[in-house]
Each structure stands twice: as structure tokens, then as C-alpha cells.
């Protein structure tokens, strides 16, 4: 048995319970926002190199932007709003010029 303490109370858990708590936390974190973001896939209009750039844009959006705050769904803003937001956040997120373009293209695909 392990004893966990969180300030005002303590919790005694078996190994099975602590593993279940850990797994629940991991699953909650994994499924909280990311699945809501579309995943670029091959379609008749998307060339292979465009697809890889969109996938890279998604990866960058999740890692660079999601590392500090909640991610917004791409359709939440217009192209112009995304352009302003990305330009405003680029310095804080340490985005290279090509990374800005990839994130913008991912967020505005289909608009």
C-alpha cells in the first residue's frame, strides 16, 4: 500500500487502485482536446507533400500552442483571426517562420 498526501487529506491506495488512477489520468489527458482536432488524411484534393505539411502543422499546433494553453478548434476563428493570433503568439511559442506557415495552413485548411 502507498500513502498519498495532498495537503488537507491523505489517501491510502492499493497498487491496483493507484495504477487505475494513473491510467485514468493519462486517458483523460489524452482524450481531452486532441481528438476534437481534425487529423489530415489523404483525399483527392490533397497531394502527398501537402498532407505531410498539414500533419506537421497539426503536430506543431499541439506541441507548441497546446503546451501553454487550451487548444481551439480550427473552425473557431476565421483565416484573418488565425493570422493575427499566430503572429501575436509566435514569439512566445518560439515559432520559426516555416512553423507559423504550417500551423496557419493546418488551422485554415478548408476555409
N, C-alpha and C. Protein backbone atom coordinates (compact mmCIF):
# COMPACT_ATOMS: atom_id res chain seq x y z
N UNK A 1 0.84 -1.19 0.00
CA UNK A 1 0.00 0.00 0.00
C UNK A 1 0.88 1.24 0.00
N UNK A 2 0.44 2.23 -0.76
CA UNK A 2 1.14 3.51 -0.78
C UNK A 2 0.24 4.54 -0.14
N UNK A 3 0.86 5.50 0.50
CA UNK A 3 0.11 6.58 1.11
C UNK A 3 0.38 7.85 0.33
N UNK A 4 -0.69 8.49 -0.14
CA UNK A 4 -0.57 9.74 -0.88
C UNK A 4 -1.11 10.86 -0.02
N UNK A 5 -0.43 11.96 -0.01
CA UNK A 5 -0.86 13.08 0.78
C UNK A 5 -1.04 14.29 -0.11
N UNK A 6 -2.14 14.98 0.08
CA UNK A 6 -2.43 16.17 -0.71
C UNK A 6 -2.90 17.28 0.21
N UNK A 7 -2.00 17.80 1.00
CA UNK A 7 -2.33 18.91 1.87
C UNK A 7 -3.28 18.53 2.99
N UNK A 8 -4.58 18.71 2.76
CA UNK A 8 -5.57 18.55 3.81
C UNK A 8 -5.99 17.11 4.08
N UNK A 9 -5.75 16.20 3.15
CA UNK A 9 -6.16 14.83 3.38
C UNK A 9 -5.13 13.88 2.82
N UNK A 10 -5.21 12.65 3.26
CA UNK A 10 -4.33 11.64 2.72
C UNK A 10 -5.19 10.51 2.18
N UNK A 11 -4.63 9.77 1.23
CA UNK A 11 -5.35 8.70 0.56
C UNK A 11 -4.47 7.47 0.56
N UNK A 12 -5.00 6.37 1.03
CA UNK A 12 -4.24 5.13 1.03
C UNK A 12 -4.79 4.28 -0.10
N UNK A 13 -3.91 3.89 -1.01
CA UNK A 13 -4.33 3.15 -2.20
C UNK A 13 -3.55 1.86 -2.33
N UNK A 14 -4.24 0.86 -2.84
CA UNK A 14 -3.53 -0.36 -3.20
C UNK A 14 -2.81 -0.11 -4.51
N UNK A 15 -1.92 -1.01 -4.87
CA UNK A 15 -1.20 -0.86 -6.14
C UNK A 15 -2.19 -0.87 -7.30
N UNK A 16 -3.21 -1.72 -7.24
CA UNK A 16 -4.21 -1.79 -8.30
C UNK A 16 -4.96 -0.46 -8.44
N UNK A 17 -5.34 0.13 -7.30
CA UNK A 17 -6.05 1.40 -7.32
C UNK A 17 -5.16 2.52 -7.83
N UNK A 18 -3.90 2.54 -7.41
CA UNK A 18 -3.01 3.60 -7.87
C UNK A 18 -2.75 3.47 -9.38
N UNK A 19 -2.65 2.23 -9.88
CA UNK A 19 -2.50 2.04 -11.33
C UNK A 19 -3.73 2.51 -12.07
N UNK A 20 -4.91 2.25 -11.52
CA UNK A 20 -6.15 2.69 -12.13
C UNK A 20 -6.23 4.22 -12.15
N UNK A 21 -5.84 4.86 -11.06
CA UNK A 21 -5.82 6.32 -11.02
C UNK A 21 -4.86 6.89 -12.05
N UNK A 22 -3.69 6.30 -12.18
CA UNK A 22 -2.71 6.75 -13.16
C UNK A 22 -3.26 6.60 -14.57
N UNK A 23 -3.83 5.43 -14.87
CA UNK A 23 -4.38 5.17 -16.19
C UNK A 23 -5.52 6.13 -16.50
N UNK A 24 -6.37 6.41 -15.55
CA UNK A 24 -7.47 7.36 -15.74
C UNK A 24 -6.96 8.75 -16.06
N UNK A 25 -5.93 9.17 -15.36
CA UNK A 25 -5.33 10.48 -15.60
C UNK A 25 -4.73 10.57 -17.00
N UNK A 26 -4.03 9.54 -17.41
CA UNK A 26 -3.42 9.50 -18.74
C UNK A 26 -4.49 9.54 -19.82
N UNK A 27 -5.53 8.74 -19.66
CA UNK A 27 -6.61 8.72 -20.65
C UNK A 27 -7.34 10.06 -20.72
N UNK A 28 -7.59 10.66 -19.58
CA UNK A 28 -8.25 11.96 -19.57
C UNK A 28 -7.41 13.00 -20.29
N UNK A 29 -6.12 13.01 -20.04
CA UNK A 29 -5.24 13.96 -20.72
C UNK A 29 -5.17 13.68 -22.21
N UNK A 30 -5.13 12.42 -22.57
CA UNK A 30 -5.00 12.06 -23.99
C UNK A 30 -6.26 12.37 -24.79
N UNK A 31 -7.41 12.29 -24.17
CA UNK A 31 -8.65 12.46 -24.92
C UNK A 31 -9.36 13.77 -24.64
N UNK A 32 -8.76 14.67 -23.91
CA UNK A 32 -9.43 15.91 -23.54
C UNK A 32 -9.66 16.85 -24.72
N UNK A 33 -8.68 17.09 -25.56
CA UNK A 33 -8.86 18.05 -26.66
C UNK A 33 -8.37 17.51 -27.98
N UNK A 34 -7.30 16.80 -27.97
CA UNK A 34 -6.65 16.37 -29.19
C UNK A 34 -7.59 15.67 -30.17
N UNK A 35 -8.44 14.73 -29.75
CA UNK A 35 -9.29 14.06 -30.72
C UNK A 35 -10.27 15.00 -31.40
N UNK A 36 -10.59 16.12 -30.79
CA UNK A 36 -11.50 17.07 -31.41
C UNK A 36 -10.86 17.77 -32.59
N UNK A 37 -9.56 17.83 -32.62
CA UNK A 37 -8.85 18.45 -33.73
C UNK A 37 -8.85 17.48 -34.90
N UNK A 38 -9.14 17.99 -36.07
CA UNK A 38 -9.16 17.08 -37.22
C UNK A 38 -7.75 16.59 -37.52
N UNK A 39 -7.70 15.39 -38.05
CA UNK A 39 -6.44 14.78 -38.44
C UNK A 39 -6.39 14.77 -39.96
N UNK A 40 -5.44 15.47 -40.56
CA UNK A 40 -5.35 15.48 -42.02
C UNK A 40 -5.14 14.08 -42.58
N UNK A 41 -5.93 13.74 -43.57
CA UNK A 41 -5.80 12.45 -44.24
C UNK A 41 -5.77 12.66 -45.74
N UNK A 42 -5.34 11.65 -46.44
CA UNK A 42 -5.25 11.73 -47.90
C UNK A 42 -6.66 11.83 -48.49
N UNK A 43 -6.83 12.72 -49.43
CA UNK A 43 -8.07 12.83 -50.18
C UNK A 43 -7.70 13.25 -51.61
N UNK A 44 -8.64 13.21 -52.53
CA UNK A 44 -8.30 13.52 -53.93
C UNK A 44 -7.69 14.91 -54.15
N UNK A 45 -8.03 15.88 -53.30
CA UNK A 45 -7.51 17.24 -53.48
C UNK A 45 -6.16 17.48 -52.79
N UNK A 46 -5.76 16.60 -51.90
CA UNK A 46 -4.54 16.81 -51.13
C UNK A 46 -3.39 15.98 -51.69
N UNK A 47 -2.34 16.67 -52.08
CA UNK A 47 -1.14 15.98 -52.57
C UNK A 47 -0.37 15.42 -51.37
N UNK A 48 0.50 14.46 -51.64
CA UNK A 48 1.25 13.80 -50.56
C UNK A 48 2.08 14.79 -49.76
N UNK A 49 2.78 15.72 -50.44
CA UNK A 49 3.60 16.67 -49.69
C UNK A 49 2.73 17.66 -48.91
N UNK A 50 1.54 18.01 -49.45
CA UNK A 50 0.63 18.87 -48.70
C UNK A 50 0.13 18.16 -47.45
N UNK A 51 -0.15 16.87 -47.59
CA UNK A 51 -0.63 16.08 -46.45
C UNK A 51 0.42 16.06 -45.34
N UNK A 52 1.66 15.83 -45.68
CA UNK A 52 2.71 15.78 -44.65
C UNK A 52 2.89 17.16 -43.99
N UNK A 53 2.71 18.23 -44.76
CA UNK A 53 2.82 19.57 -44.18
C UNK A 53 1.64 19.87 -43.24
N UNK A 54 0.44 19.41 -43.62
CA UNK A 54 -0.72 19.59 -42.74
C UNK A 54 -0.55 18.78 -41.45
N UNK A 55 -0.06 17.57 -41.58
CA UNK A 55 0.18 16.74 -40.39
C UNK A 55 1.24 17.38 -39.49
N UNK A 56 2.26 17.95 -40.10
CA UNK A 56 3.29 18.66 -39.33
C UNK A 56 2.69 19.89 -38.66
N UNK A 57 1.82 20.60 -39.36
CA UNK A 57 1.14 21.76 -38.77
C UNK A 57 0.31 21.37 -37.56
N UNK A 58 -0.38 20.25 -37.64
CA UNK A 58 -1.17 19.76 -36.50
C UNK A 58 -0.25 19.42 -35.34
N UNK A 59 0.84 18.71 -35.62
CA UNK A 59 1.79 18.34 -34.57
C UNK A 59 2.35 19.58 -33.89
N UNK A 60 2.72 20.58 -34.70
CA UNK A 60 3.26 21.82 -34.14
C UNK A 60 2.21 22.56 -33.31
N UNK A 61 0.98 22.61 -33.80
CA UNK A 61 -0.10 23.28 -33.08
C UNK A 61 -0.29 22.64 -31.71
N UNK A 62 -0.30 21.32 -31.67
CA UNK A 62 -0.50 20.62 -30.40
C UNK A 62 0.70 20.84 -29.47
N UNK A 63 1.92 20.70 -29.99
CA UNK A 63 3.09 20.79 -29.12
C UNK A 63 3.45 22.22 -28.74
N UNK A 64 3.47 23.12 -29.71
CA UNK A 64 3.91 24.49 -29.42
C UNK A 64 2.82 25.32 -28.76
N UNK A 65 1.59 25.19 -29.22
CA UNK A 65 0.50 26.02 -28.69
C UNK A 65 -0.16 25.35 -27.48
N UNK A 66 -0.39 24.04 -27.61
CA UNK A 66 -1.04 23.31 -26.53
C UNK A 66 -0.17 23.11 -25.31
N UNK A 67 1.11 23.38 -25.43
CA UNK A 67 1.99 23.27 -24.28
C UNK A 67 1.75 24.34 -23.24
N UNK A 68 1.08 25.43 -23.64
CA UNK A 68 0.86 26.55 -22.71
C UNK A 68 -0.61 26.81 -22.40
N UNK A 69 -1.49 26.48 -23.33
CA UNK A 69 -2.91 26.79 -23.10
C UNK A 69 -3.81 25.81 -23.85
N UNK A 70 -5.08 25.93 -23.60
CA UNK A 70 -6.08 25.09 -24.27
C UNK A 70 -6.06 25.37 -25.76
N UNK A 71 -6.19 24.32 -26.53
CA UNK A 71 -6.22 24.46 -27.98
C UNK A 71 -7.64 24.78 -28.45
N UNK A 72 -7.74 25.62 -29.45
CA UNK A 72 -9.03 25.97 -30.04
C UNK A 72 -9.23 25.17 -31.31
N UNK A 73 -10.46 24.78 -31.57
CA UNK A 73 -10.76 24.09 -32.80
C UNK A 73 -10.50 25.01 -33.98
N UNK A 74 -10.01 24.48 -35.09
CA UNK A 74 -9.69 25.32 -36.24
C UNK A 74 -10.84 26.19 -36.72
N UNK A 75 -12.06 25.69 -36.70
CA UNK A 75 -13.21 26.45 -37.17
C UNK A 75 -13.68 27.54 -36.23
N UNK A 76 -13.04 27.65 -35.09
CA UNK A 76 -13.43 28.65 -34.08
C UNK A 76 -13.14 30.07 -34.55
N UNK A 77 -12.15 30.24 -35.43
CA UNK A 77 -11.75 31.56 -35.91
C UNK A 77 -11.68 31.58 -37.43
N UNK A 78 -11.73 32.78 -37.98
CA UNK A 78 -11.57 32.96 -39.42
C UNK A 78 -10.09 32.95 -39.77
N UNK A 79 -9.79 32.92 -41.08
CA UNK A 79 -8.39 32.99 -41.52
C UNK A 79 -7.70 34.23 -40.98
N UNK A 80 -8.38 35.35 -41.06
CA UNK A 80 -7.80 36.61 -40.60
C UNK A 80 -7.53 36.57 -39.09
N UNK A 81 -8.46 36.01 -38.33
CA UNK A 81 -8.26 35.92 -36.88
C UNK A 81 -7.10 34.99 -36.54
N UNK A 82 -7.00 33.87 -37.26
CA UNK A 82 -5.88 32.96 -37.01
C UNK A 82 -4.55 33.63 -37.35
N UNK A 83 -4.52 34.39 -38.43
CA UNK A 83 -3.29 35.07 -38.82
C UNK A 83 -2.82 36.03 -37.73
N UNK A 84 -3.75 36.81 -37.20
CA UNK A 84 -3.41 37.74 -36.11
C UNK A 84 -2.96 36.97 -34.87
N UNK A 85 -3.69 35.93 -34.51
CA UNK A 85 -3.34 35.15 -33.32
C UNK A 85 -1.96 34.52 -33.45
N UNK A 86 -1.71 33.89 -34.58
CA UNK A 86 -0.40 33.24 -34.78
C UNK A 86 0.72 34.27 -34.75
N UNK A 87 0.52 35.40 -35.40
CA UNK A 87 1.55 36.45 -35.37
C UNK A 87 1.79 36.96 -33.96
N UNK A 88 0.72 37.10 -33.18
CA UNK A 88 0.86 37.59 -31.80
C UNK A 88 1.55 36.57 -30.89
N UNK A 89 1.33 35.29 -31.15
CA UNK A 89 1.86 34.25 -30.26
C UNK A 89 3.20 33.68 -30.72
N UNK A 90 3.64 34.00 -31.91
CA UNK A 90 4.85 33.39 -32.49
C UNK A 90 6.09 33.56 -31.61
N UNK A 91 6.27 34.72 -31.06
CA UNK A 91 7.45 34.96 -30.23
C UNK A 91 7.39 34.13 -28.95
N UNK A 92 6.23 34.14 -28.30
CA UNK A 92 6.08 33.37 -27.05
C UNK A 92 6.27 31.88 -27.28
N UNK A 93 5.78 31.38 -28.42
CA UNK A 93 5.85 29.95 -28.72
C UNK A 93 7.16 29.57 -29.41
N UNK A 94 8.02 30.55 -29.64
CA UNK A 94 9.30 30.32 -30.32
C UNK A 94 9.10 29.64 -31.68
N UNK A 95 8.18 30.21 -32.46
CA UNK A 95 7.88 29.65 -33.78
C UNK A 95 8.82 30.20 -34.84
N UNK A 96 9.39 29.31 -35.61
CA UNK A 96 10.17 29.71 -36.79
C UNK A 96 9.17 30.12 -37.88
N UNK A 97 9.61 30.92 -38.85
CA UNK A 97 8.69 31.35 -39.91
C UNK A 97 7.97 30.20 -40.61
N UNK A 98 8.68 29.12 -40.90
CA UNK A 98 8.04 27.98 -41.56
C UNK A 98 7.03 27.29 -40.64
N UNK A 99 7.30 27.27 -39.35
CA UNK A 99 6.36 26.68 -38.40
C UNK A 99 5.07 27.49 -38.36
N UNK A 100 5.17 28.81 -38.40
CA UNK A 100 3.98 29.67 -38.44
C UNK A 100 3.12 29.33 -39.66
N UNK A 101 3.77 29.16 -40.80
CA UNK A 101 3.05 28.85 -42.03
C UNK A 101 2.36 27.49 -41.92
N UNK A 102 3.06 26.51 -41.40
CA UNK A 102 2.49 25.16 -41.28
C UNK A 102 1.28 25.15 -40.33
N UNK A 103 1.41 25.83 -39.21
CA UNK A 103 0.29 25.90 -38.26
C UNK A 103 -0.89 26.63 -38.90
N UNK A 104 -0.62 27.75 -39.55
CA UNK A 104 -1.68 28.52 -40.21
C UNK A 104 -2.39 27.67 -41.26
N UNK A 105 -1.63 26.97 -42.09
CA UNK A 105 -2.23 26.14 -43.13
C UNK A 105 -3.07 25.03 -42.54
N UNK A 106 -2.61 24.43 -41.45
CA UNK A 106 -3.40 23.38 -40.78
C UNK A 106 -4.71 23.97 -40.25
N UNK A 107 -4.62 25.09 -39.55
CA UNK A 107 -5.80 25.67 -38.92
C UNK A 107 -6.81 26.20 -39.91
N UNK A 108 -6.37 26.58 -41.09
CA UNK A 108 -7.28 27.20 -42.07
C UNK A 108 -7.59 26.29 -43.24
N UNK A 109 -7.20 25.04 -43.19
CA UNK A 109 -7.50 24.09 -44.27
C UNK A 109 -9.01 24.01 -44.47
N UNK A 110 -9.45 24.19 -45.68
CA UNK A 110 -10.87 24.08 -45.98
C UNK A 110 -11.68 25.33 -45.75
N UNK A 111 -11.04 26.41 -45.36
CA UNK A 111 -11.80 27.67 -45.15
C UNK A 111 -11.88 28.45 -46.43
